[in-house]
Amino acid sequence: MANFQMQFLKDYRLTTAEIIYRLPDHPKLLQTFLWQEYDIAPEFPVLLKFLDFWKREIEGKIHSVIVASNKIITPSDTKFYDHEITIQ
């Protein structure tokens, strides 16, 4: 229920970030880390908090971050059909 409340009432969206970073021992090599969490677009406070943690605690320097965000719960479309089904 908490995820539903976050998505519907507080407009949280499922957010995925691809974090590309340099390996500490081999800075010419890049590595990818995928992060996924519920966050609020376009401010992304949860992602920014994670990236601040990364900069403080993880040795791999961030090269770039690619972010994708999408609403999970959206208004449904109502469709009417010209068929009738009778169940007996």
N, C-alpha and C. Protein backbone atom coordinates (compact mmCIF):
# COMPACT_ATOMS: atom_id res chain seq x y z
N MET A 1 0.82 -1.20 0.00
CA MET A 1 0.00 0.00 0.00
C MET A 1 0.86 1.26 0.00
N ALA A 2 2.00 1.22 0.61
CA ALA A 2 2.86 2.40 0.68
C ALA A 2 3.31 2.82 -0.72
N ASN A 3 3.69 1.86 -1.57
CA ASN A 3 4.10 2.19 -2.93
C ASN A 3 2.96 2.82 -3.71
N PHE A 4 1.74 2.28 -3.54
CA PHE A 4 0.58 2.83 -4.22
C PHE A 4 0.34 4.27 -3.78
N GLN A 5 0.41 4.53 -2.48
CA GLN A 5 0.21 5.89 -1.96
C GLN A 5 1.28 6.84 -2.50
N MET A 6 2.51 6.38 -2.54
CA MET A 6 3.58 7.22 -3.06
C MET A 6 3.34 7.57 -4.52
N GLN A 7 2.93 6.58 -5.32
CA GLN A 7 2.74 6.79 -6.75
C GLN A 7 1.52 7.65 -7.04
N PHE A 8 0.43 7.35 -6.37
CA PHE A 8 -0.83 8.00 -6.71
C PHE A 8 -1.01 9.34 -6.01
N LEU A 9 -0.74 9.39 -4.73
CA LEU A 9 -1.01 10.59 -3.96
C LEU A 9 0.13 11.61 -3.99
N LYS A 10 1.35 11.13 -4.00
CA LYS A 10 2.49 12.04 -3.92
C LYS A 10 3.22 12.18 -5.25
N ASP A 11 2.72 11.57 -6.30
CA ASP A 11 3.26 11.67 -7.67
C ASP A 11 4.69 11.13 -7.79
N TYR A 12 5.00 10.11 -7.02
CA TYR A 12 6.28 9.43 -7.20
C TYR A 12 6.21 8.60 -8.48
N ARG A 13 7.34 8.46 -9.14
CA ARG A 13 7.41 7.67 -10.37
C ARG A 13 8.57 6.69 -10.26
N LEU A 14 8.44 5.58 -10.95
CA LEU A 14 9.55 4.64 -10.99
C LEU A 14 10.66 5.28 -11.82
N THR A 15 11.81 5.43 -11.19
CA THR A 15 12.94 6.11 -11.83
C THR A 15 14.11 5.15 -11.93
N THR A 16 14.70 5.10 -13.11
CA THR A 16 15.87 4.27 -13.35
C THR A 16 17.01 5.17 -13.79
N ALA A 17 18.16 5.00 -13.17
CA ALA A 17 19.34 5.78 -13.53
C ALA A 17 20.47 4.83 -13.89
N GLU A 18 21.09 5.08 -15.03
CA GLU A 18 22.29 4.34 -15.42
C GLU A 18 23.46 5.24 -15.07
N ILE A 19 24.23 4.81 -14.09
CA ILE A 19 25.38 5.59 -13.61
C ILE A 19 26.63 4.98 -14.24
N ILE A 20 27.30 5.77 -15.03
CA ILE A 20 28.54 5.32 -15.67
C ILE A 20 29.69 5.97 -14.89
N TYR A 21 30.59 5.14 -14.40
CA TYR A 21 31.67 5.66 -13.55
C TYR A 21 33.00 5.05 -13.94
N ARG A 22 34.05 5.69 -13.50
CA ARG A 22 35.43 5.22 -13.78
C ARG A 22 35.87 4.26 -12.68
N LEU A 23 36.54 3.21 -13.07
CA LEU A 23 37.08 2.28 -12.09
C LEU A 23 38.24 2.95 -11.35
N PRO A 24 38.27 2.86 -10.02
CA PRO A 24 39.32 3.55 -9.26
C PRO A 24 40.74 3.12 -9.64
N ASP A 25 40.96 1.83 -9.86
CA ASP A 25 42.31 1.33 -10.18
C ASP A 25 42.67 1.51 -11.65
N HIS A 26 41.66 1.65 -12.51
CA HIS A 26 41.88 1.80 -13.95
C HIS A 26 40.96 2.91 -14.47
N PRO A 27 41.32 4.18 -14.27
CA PRO A 27 40.43 5.30 -14.58
C PRO A 27 40.06 5.44 -16.06
N LYS A 28 40.78 4.75 -16.95
CA LYS A 28 40.42 4.82 -18.37
C LYS A 28 39.26 3.87 -18.70
N LEU A 29 38.94 2.96 -17.79
CA LEU A 29 37.85 2.02 -18.00
C LEU A 29 36.57 2.53 -17.33
N LEU A 30 35.45 2.34 -18.03
CA LEU A 30 34.16 2.76 -17.49
C LEU A 30 33.34 1.54 -17.10
N GLN A 31 32.58 1.69 -16.04
CA GLN A 31 31.70 0.63 -15.53
C GLN A 31 30.29 1.21 -15.42
N THR A 32 29.29 0.34 -15.50
CA THR A 32 27.90 0.78 -15.40
C THR A 32 27.26 0.24 -14.14
N PHE A 33 26.45 1.08 -13.49
CA PHE A 33 25.67 0.69 -12.33
C PHE A 33 24.24 1.15 -12.57
N LEU A 34 23.27 0.23 -12.44
CA LEU A 34 21.86 0.59 -12.60
C LEU A 34 21.23 0.79 -11.23
N TRP A 35 20.53 1.91 -11.07
CA TRP A 35 19.85 2.27 -9.83
C TRP A 35 18.38 2.45 -10.16
N GLN A 36 17.50 1.92 -9.31
CA GLN A 36 16.06 2.06 -9.55
C GLN A 36 15.35 2.26 -8.22
N GLU A 37 14.49 3.29 -8.20
CA GLU A 37 13.77 3.64 -6.98
C GLU A 37 12.59 4.52 -7.36
N TYR A 38 11.64 4.69 -6.44
CA TYR A 38 10.56 5.64 -6.66
C TYR A 38 11.07 7.03 -6.33
N ASP A 39 10.80 8.00 -7.23
CA ASP A 39 11.30 9.35 -7.06
C ASP A 39 10.33 10.34 -7.68
N ILE A 40 10.52 11.61 -7.40
CA ILE A 40 9.65 12.65 -7.93
C ILE A 40 10.36 13.38 -9.07
N ALA A 41 9.78 13.32 -10.27
CA ALA A 41 10.36 14.01 -11.42
C ALA A 41 9.82 15.43 -11.46
N PRO A 42 10.52 16.40 -11.93
CA PRO A 42 11.89 16.37 -12.47
C PRO A 42 12.97 16.72 -11.45
N GLU A 43 12.60 16.89 -10.17
CA GLU A 43 13.61 17.26 -9.16
C GLU A 43 14.51 16.09 -8.77
N PHE A 44 13.96 14.88 -8.72
CA PHE A 44 14.67 13.65 -8.36
C PHE A 44 15.44 13.78 -7.04
N PRO A 45 14.77 14.10 -5.94
CA PRO A 45 15.47 14.24 -4.65
C PRO A 45 16.10 12.94 -4.15
N VAL A 46 15.46 11.81 -4.40
CA VAL A 46 16.00 10.52 -3.94
C VAL A 46 17.27 10.18 -4.72
N LEU A 47 17.24 10.39 -6.02
CA LEU A 47 18.43 10.13 -6.85
C LEU A 47 19.57 11.06 -6.46
N LEU A 48 19.27 12.33 -6.26
CA LEU A 48 20.33 13.28 -5.88
C LEU A 48 20.95 12.91 -4.53
N LYS A 49 20.12 12.44 -3.61
CA LYS A 49 20.65 11.99 -2.31
C LYS A 49 21.59 10.80 -2.51
N PHE A 50 21.20 9.86 -3.40
CA PHE A 50 22.06 8.71 -3.67
C PHE A 50 23.37 9.14 -4.33
N LEU A 51 23.28 10.08 -5.28
CA LEU A 51 24.50 10.54 -5.96
C LEU A 51 25.43 11.27 -4.99
N ASP A 52 24.87 12.02 -4.05
CA ASP A 52 25.70 12.66 -3.00
C ASP A 52 26.40 11.60 -2.16
N PHE A 53 25.67 10.54 -1.80
CA PHE A 53 26.27 9.42 -1.07
C PHE A 53 27.41 8.81 -1.88
N TRP A 54 27.17 8.60 -3.18
CA TRP A 54 28.18 8.02 -4.06
C TRP A 54 29.45 8.86 -4.04
N LYS A 55 29.30 10.16 -4.21
CA LYS A 55 30.47 11.04 -4.25
C LYS A 55 31.26 11.02 -2.94
N ARG A 56 30.55 10.88 -1.81
CA ARG A 56 31.20 10.87 -0.49
C ARG A 56 31.86 9.54 -0.18
N GLU A 57 31.20 8.42 -0.52
CA GLU A 57 31.60 7.12 0.01
C GLU A 57 32.23 6.15 -1.00
N ILE A 58 32.02 6.37 -2.29
CA ILE A 58 32.49 5.41 -3.28
C ILE A 58 33.63 6.04 -4.08
N GLU A 59 34.69 5.25 -4.31
CA GLU A 59 35.89 5.78 -4.95
C GLU A 59 35.73 6.02 -6.44
N GLY A 60 34.83 5.31 -7.10
CA GLY A 60 34.68 5.45 -8.55
C GLY A 60 34.07 6.80 -8.91
N LYS A 61 34.80 7.60 -9.68
CA LYS A 61 34.32 8.93 -10.07
C LYS A 61 33.24 8.79 -11.14
N ILE A 62 32.14 9.50 -10.96
CA ILE A 62 31.01 9.42 -11.89
C ILE A 62 31.37 10.12 -13.19
N HIS A 63 31.16 9.41 -14.29
CA HIS A 63 31.39 9.95 -15.63
C HIS A 63 30.11 10.60 -16.16
N SER A 64 28.98 9.88 -16.05
CA SER A 64 27.70 10.42 -16.52
C SER A 64 26.56 9.63 -15.89
N VAL A 65 25.38 10.25 -15.92
CA VAL A 65 24.17 9.63 -15.38
C VAL A 65 23.04 9.82 -16.41
N ILE A 66 22.40 8.72 -16.78
CA ILE A 66 21.27 8.76 -17.71
C ILE A 66 20.04 8.37 -16.90
N VAL A 67 19.00 9.21 -16.94
CA VAL A 67 17.82 9.01 -16.11
C VAL A 67 16.59 8.78 -16.98
N ALA A 68 15.79 7.79 -16.59
CA ALA A 68 14.49 7.53 -17.22
C ALA A 68 13.46 7.44 -16.11
N SER A 69 12.30 8.07 -16.33
CA SER A 69 11.25 8.08 -15.31
C SER A 69 9.91 7.93 -15.99
N ASN A 70 9.02 7.14 -15.37
CA ASN A 70 7.72 6.91 -15.97
C ASN A 70 6.69 6.70 -14.88
N LYS A 71 5.51 7.28 -15.07
CA LYS A 71 4.42 7.05 -14.14
C LYS A 71 3.97 5.60 -14.27
N ILE A 72 3.76 4.96 -13.16
CA ILE A 72 3.27 3.59 -13.15
C ILE A 72 1.75 3.58 -13.22
N ILE A 73 1.14 4.41 -12.41
CA ILE A 73 -0.32 4.47 -12.35
C ILE A 73 -0.77 5.68 -13.16
N THR A 74 -1.55 5.43 -14.19
CA THR A 74 -2.07 6.51 -15.03
C THR A 74 -3.57 6.37 -15.16
N PRO A 75 -4.27 7.42 -15.53
CA PRO A 75 -5.72 7.28 -15.72
C PRO A 75 -6.02 6.24 -16.79
N SER A 76 -6.99 5.43 -16.52
CA SER A 76 -7.33 4.38 -17.49
C SER A 76 -8.18 4.96 -18.61
N ASP A 77 -8.06 4.37 -19.77
CA ASP A 77 -8.88 4.75 -20.91
C ASP A 77 -10.14 3.91 -20.91
N THR A 78 -11.27 4.56 -21.10
CA THR A 78 -12.53 3.85 -21.16
C THR A 78 -12.84 3.54 -22.61
N LYS A 79 -13.11 2.27 -22.88
CA LYS A 79 -13.43 1.86 -24.25
C LYS A 79 -14.77 1.14 -24.24
N PHE A 80 -15.60 1.46 -25.19
CA PHE A 80 -16.89 0.82 -25.32
C PHE A 80 -16.87 -0.06 -26.56
N TYR A 81 -17.46 -1.24 -26.43
CA TYR A 81 -17.47 -2.20 -27.53
C TYR A 81 -18.91 -2.52 -27.91
N ASP A 82 -19.10 -2.97 -29.15
CA ASP A 82 -20.43 -3.32 -29.65
C ASP A 82 -20.73 -4.80 -29.46
N HIS A 83 -20.28 -5.38 -28.38
CA HIS A 83 -20.50 -6.81 -28.16
C HIS A 83 -21.17 -7.02 -26.80
N GLU A 84 -21.93 -8.05 -26.74
CA GLU A 84 -22.57 -8.41 -25.49
C GLU A 84 -22.27 -9.87 -25.21
N ILE A 85 -21.83 -10.14 -24.02
CA ILE A 85 -21.52 -11.52 -23.64
C ILE A 85 -22.47 -11.90 -22.53
N THR A 86 -23.16 -13.02 -22.73
CA THR A 86 -24.09 -13.52 -21.72
C THR A 86 -23.51 -14.80 -21.13
N ILE A 87 -23.37 -14.82 -19.81
CA ILE A 87 -22.86 -15.99 -19.13
C ILE A 87 -24.01 -16.62 -18.36
N GLN A 88 -24.25 -17.91 -18.65
CA GLN A 88 -25.37 -18.61 -17.99
C GLN A 88 -24.86 -19.69 -17.07
